[in-house]
Amino acid sequence: MKMFARLDQYREKVPLERWVARIAITTCYDRLRAQQRRPELRHADLSIEERERIDRVTADTSGESDVAAFAARELVEQLLDRLNPRDRLVITLLELEQRSVAEIHDVTGWSHSLIKVCAFRARQKLRKEWGRLEKQEARR
């Protein structure tokens, strides 16, 4: 919708695909800032120990799966809130939407190396934040 609303602003200085991609990226950034949350991480990116902890939280043991799923989602949102918008965007596109690095490059215009480095650092930050949250829970 934004692209069609701003079609009169397109000046053909850049390829149409880049112009549309830039609108999409800006829209995503705006959405990230407004929501201050993102959906879950990819389960395969977690260590075995982290997977087991999440599985325990989301396990349906007493028919309270909705409550456990909500708690797990809240936990994931807390973790993702601690990432900057660029890292969240890369993790979302790469891991949650299962897009390739080449597709992300086409959309954002960022280099393949930058995308990989952002994803790597974002995963490290998420693991670090997970550890902090666990320590806070252990103190309670």
Foldseek 3Di string as FASTA:
>chain_A
DVCVVCVVVDDPPDDPLQVVLVVVLVVQLVVCVVVLFDFAAALVLDDPVVNVVLCVLQPCDPVVNVVSVVVSRVVRRVLLSPDHSVLSVLRCVCTVVVDDLVVVCSSNVDDSVVSVVSPVVSSVSSVVVVVVVVVVVVVD
